[in-house]
Amino acid sequence: MKYVIMIAVVIGLAAADFVTGIIKAYVQHDISSAKMRAGGLNKLSEVIVMTAVCGLEIGIRLLGGYYQSPDAASLSGSVAAGLVFVYIVIMELISILENYGAISPDAVWVRRLTEKLRSFQREE
């Protein structure tokens, strides 16, 4: 059940990011089918990666039973799936906030936050 929840969260966030991206493009008079196609494929690949990692966790756990180390295998699979899940969630939330900041002129706090995140990313 946890895999279904993780994948559902990723799908929901990807959909929200895609829709806010379309709204942002509409507000900025910059609707482009090429950008929408690329964004949609990006979101689809995130869902595929999350699904693959969930499958990897299941496979690692099952293999751990064959090698008499189910606890270690379960832990390593959970860590891998958890890290990918957290990364995708954070990435999608930041993208949704960026879109919201571009859509809403009153969202000054969002623009300040995303500018700080961008400057932090440039330093790395």
C-alpha atoms as a PDB file:
ATOM      1  CA  MET A   1       0.000   0.000   0.000  1.00  0.00           C
ATOM      2  CA  LYS A   2       2.851   2.411   0.738  1.00  0.00           C
ATOM      3  CA  TYR A   3       4.000   2.132  -2.879  1.00  0.00           C
ATOM      4  CA  VAL A   4       0.589   3.125  -4.166  1.00  0.00           C
ATOM      5  CA  ILE A   5       0.592   6.126  -1.831  1.00  0.00           C
ATOM      6  CA  MET A   6       4.104   7.189  -2.880  1.00  0.00           C
ATOM      7  CA  ILE A   7       3.273   6.910  -6.577  1.00  0.00           C
ATOM      8  CA  ALA A   8      -0.066   8.690  -6.065  1.00  0.00           C
ATOM      9  CA  VAL A   9       1.671  11.577  -4.284  1.00  0.00           C
ATOM     10  CA  VAL A  10       4.211  11.883  -7.108  1.00  0.00           C
ATOM     11  CA  ILE A  11       1.435  11.778  -9.738  1.00  0.00           C
ATOM     12  CA  GLY A  12      -0.572  14.408  -7.843  1.00  0.00           C
ATOM     13  CA  LEU A  13       2.370  16.754  -7.440  1.00  0.00           C
ATOM     14  CA  ALA A  14       3.447  16.257 -11.061  1.00  0.00           C
ATOM     15  CA  ALA A  15      -0.085  17.043 -12.234  1.00  0.00           C
ATOM     16  CA  ALA A  16      -0.258  20.126 -10.013  1.00  0.00           C
ATOM     17  CA  ASP A  17       3.096  21.319 -11.335  1.00  0.00           C
ATOM     18  CA  PHE A  18       2.023  20.724 -14.934  1.00  0.00           C
ATOM     19  CA  VAL A  19      -1.274  22.600 -14.461  1.00  0.00           C
ATOM     20  CA  THR A  20       0.356  25.528 -12.643  1.00  0.00           C
ATOM     21  CA  GLY A  21       2.953  25.625 -15.432  1.00  0.00           C
ATOM     22  CA  ILE A  22       0.181  25.923 -18.014  1.00  0.00           C
ATOM     23  CA  ILE A  23      -1.479  28.686 -15.977  1.00  0.00           C
ATOM     24  CA  LYS A  24       1.857  30.487 -15.662  1.00  0.00           C
ATOM     25  CA  ALA A  25       2.413  30.251 -19.426  1.00  0.00           C
ATOM     26  CA  TYR A  26      -1.103  31.564 -20.066  1.00  0.00           C
ATOM     27  CA  VAL A  27      -0.629  34.505 -17.682  1.00  0.00           C
ATOM     28  CA  GLN A  28       2.714  35.360 -19.266  1.00  0.00           C
ATOM     29  CA  HIS A  29       1.343  34.881 -22.812  1.00  0.00           C
ATOM     30  CA  ASP A  30       4.002  32.238 -23.430  1.00  0.00           C
ATOM     31  CA  ILE A  31       2.047  29.068 -24.206  1.00  0.00           C
ATOM     32  CA  SER A  32       4.223  26.703 -26.206  1.00  0.00           C
ATOM     33  CA  SER A  33       3.317  23.173 -27.186  1.00  0.00           C
ATOM     34  CA  ALA A  34       7.013  22.232 -27.215  1.00  0.00           C
ATOM     35  CA  LYS A  35       7.436  23.353 -23.592  1.00  0.00           C
ATOM     36  CA  MET A  36       4.214  21.590 -22.579  1.00  0.00           C
ATOM     37  CA  ARG A  37       5.328  18.400 -24.308  1.00  0.00           C
ATOM     38  CA  ALA A  38       8.738  18.544 -22.629  1.00  0.00           C
ATOM     39  CA  GLY A  39       7.134  19.282 -19.260  1.00  0.00           C
ATOM     40  CA  GLY A  40       4.649  16.448 -19.650  1.00  0.00           C
ATOM     41  CA  LEU A  41       7.397  14.006 -20.597  1.00  0.00           C
ATOM     42  CA  ASN A  42       9.445  15.188 -17.617  1.00  0.00           C
ATOM     43  CA  LYS A  43       6.503  14.507 -15.301  1.00  0.00           C
ATOM     44  CA  LEU A  44       5.927  11.104 -16.885  1.00  0.00           C
ATOM     45  CA  SER A  45       9.577  10.185 -16.367  1.00  0.00           C
ATOM     46  CA  GLU A  46       9.328  11.167 -12.685  1.00  0.00           C
ATOM     47  CA  VAL A  47       6.409   8.770 -12.275  1.00  0.00           C
ATOM     48  CA  ILE A  48       8.351   6.045 -14.106  1.00  0.00           C
ATOM     49  CA  VAL A  49      11.410   6.570 -11.883  1.00  0.00           C
ATOM     50  CA  MET A  50       9.274   6.440  -8.724  1.00  0.00           C
ATOM     51  CA  THR A  51       7.543   3.282  -9.944  1.00  0.00           C
ATOM     52  CA  ALA A  52      10.896   1.688 -10.776  1.00  0.00           C
ATOM     53  CA  VAL A  53      12.298   2.535  -7.351  1.00  0.00           C
ATOM     54  CA  CYS A  54       9.232   1.042  -5.656  1.00  0.00           C
ATOM     55  CA  GLY A  55       9.743  -2.101  -7.748  1.00  0.00           C
ATOM     56  CA  LEU A  56      13.406  -2.095  -6.786  1.00  0.00           C
ATOM     57  CA  GLU A  57      12.484  -1.939  -3.102  1.00  0.00           C
ATOM     58  CA  ILE A  58      10.133  -4.897  -3.488  1.00  0.00           C
ATOM     59  CA  GLY A  59      12.779  -6.853  -5.384  1.00  0.00           C
ATOM     60  CA  ILE A  60      15.525  -6.109  -2.861  1.00  0.00           C
ATOM     61  CA  ARG A  61      13.257  -7.169  -0.001  1.00  0.00           C
ATOM     62  CA  LEU A  62      12.387 -10.440  -1.749  1.00  0.00           C
ATOM     63  CA  LEU A  63      16.050 -11.141  -2.524  1.00  0.00           C
ATOM     64  CA  GLY A  64      16.923 -10.496   1.113  1.00  0.00           C
ATOM     65  CA  GLY A  65      14.704 -13.448   2.060  1.00  0.00           C
ATOM     66  CA  TYR A  66      16.758 -15.742  -0.157  1.00  0.00           C
ATOM     67  CA  TYR A  67      20.043 -14.581   1.357  1.00  0.00           C
ATOM     68  CA  GLN A  68      18.899 -14.730   4.994  1.00  0.00           C
ATOM     69  CA  SER A  69      19.164 -10.985   5.459  1.00  0.00           C
ATOM     70  CA  PRO A  70      15.620  -9.654   5.044  1.00  0.00           C
ATOM     71  CA  ASP A  71      16.086  -6.797   7.517  1.00  0.00           C
ATOM     72  CA  ALA A  72      19.161  -5.367   5.795  1.00  0.00           C
ATOM     73  CA  ALA A  73      17.578  -5.760   2.380  1.00  0.00           C
ATOM     74  CA  SER A  74      14.334  -4.165   3.503  1.00  0.00           C
ATOM     75  CA  LEU A  75      16.217  -1.232   5.017  1.00  0.00           C
ATOM     76  CA  SER A  76      18.334  -0.623   1.917  1.00  0.00           C
ATOM     77  CA  GLY A  77      15.307  -0.784  -0.363  1.00  0.00           C
ATOM     78  CA  SER A  78      13.326   1.552   1.877  1.00  0.00           C
ATOM     79  CA  VAL A  79      16.174   4.053   2.018  1.00  0.00           C
ATOM     80  CA  ALA A  80      16.517   4.068  -1.776  1.00  0.00           C
ATOM     81  CA  ALA A  81      12.781   4.520  -2.365  1.00  0.00           C
ATOM     82  CA  GLY A  82      12.497   7.077   0.435  1.00  0.00           C
ATOM     83  CA  LEU A  83      15.339   9.234  -0.845  1.00  0.00           C
ATOM     84  CA  VAL A  84      14.018   9.291  -4.403  1.00  0.00           C
ATOM     85  CA  PHE A  85      10.518  10.038  -3.111  1.00  0.00           C
ATOM     86  CA  VAL A  86      11.713  12.935  -0.929  1.00  0.00           C
ATOM     87  CA  TYR A  87      13.808  14.363  -3.783  1.00  0.00           C
ATOM     88  CA  ILE A  88      10.905  14.294  -6.243  1.00  0.00           C
ATOM     89  CA  VAL A  89       8.479  15.780  -3.684  1.00  0.00           C
ATOM     90  CA  ILE A  90      10.832  18.652  -2.833  1.00  0.00           C
ATOM     91  CA  MET A  91      11.595  19.305  -6.508  1.00  0.00           C
ATOM     92  CA  GLU A  92       7.895  19.376  -7.413  1.00  0.00           C
ATOM     93  CA  LEU A  93       6.948  21.611  -4.468  1.00  0.00           C
ATOM     94  CA  ILE A  94       9.646  24.119  -5.412  1.00  0.00           C
ATOM     95  CA  SER A  95       8.478  24.103  -9.030  1.00  0.00           C
ATOM     96  CA  ILE A  96       4.850  24.614  -7.981  1.00  0.00           C
ATOM     97  CA  LEU A  97       5.926  27.531  -5.769  1.00  0.00           C
ATOM     98  CA  GLU A  98       7.910  29.048  -8.646  1.00  0.00           C
ATOM     99  CA  ASN A  99       4.879  28.790 -10.903  1.00  0.00           C
ATOM    100  CA  TYR A 100       2.663  30.318  -8.227  1.00  0.00           C
ATOM    101  CA  GLY A 101       5.132  33.168  -7.740  1.00  0.00           C
ATOM    102  CA  ALA A 102       5.036  33.905 -11.466  1.00  0.00           C
ATOM    103  CA  ILE A 103       1.226  33.698 -11.572  1.00  0.00           C
ATOM    104  CA  SER A 104       0.391  35.826  -8.551  1.00  0.00           C
ATOM    105  CA  PRO A 105       1.829  39.339  -8.346  1.00  0.00           C
ATOM    106  CA  ASP A 106       0.981  39.455  -4.623  1.00  0.00           C
ATOM    107  CA  ALA A 107       3.142  36.416  -3.802  1.00  0.00           C
ATOM    108  CA  VAL A 108       6.274  38.381  -2.990  1.00  0.00           C
ATOM    109  CA  TRP A 109       7.332  35.920  -0.284  1.00  0.00           C
ATOM    110  CA  VAL A 110       7.282  33.090  -2.830  1.00  0.00           C
ATOM    111  CA  ARG A 111       9.489  34.980  -5.271  1.00  0.00           C
ATOM    112  CA  ARG A 112      11.964  35.826  -2.506  1.00  0.00           C
ATOM    113  CA  LEU A 113      12.078  32.194  -1.415  1.00  0.00           C
ATOM    114  CA  THR A 114      12.579  30.849  -4.930  1.00  0.00           C
ATOM    115  CA  GLU A 115      15.266  33.467  -5.646  1.00  0.00           C
ATOM    116  CA  LYS A 116      17.150  32.307  -2.550  1.00  0.00           C
ATOM    117  CA  LEU A 117      16.811  28.698  -3.669  1.00  0.00           C
ATOM    118  CA  ARG A 118      18.083  29.594  -7.151  1.00  0.00           C
ATOM    119  CA  SER A 119      21.078  31.496  -5.748  1.00  0.00           C
ATOM    120  CA  PHE A 120      21.840  28.533  -3.478  1.00  0.00           C
ATOM    121  CA  GLN A 121      21.696  26.232  -6.511  1.00  0.00           C
ATOM    122  CA  ARG A 122      24.060  28.501  -8.509  1.00  0.00           C
ATOM    123  CA  GLU A 123      26.617  28.439  -5.661  1.00  0.00           C
ATOM    124  CA  GLU A 124      26.743  24.653  -5.800  1.00  0.00           C
END
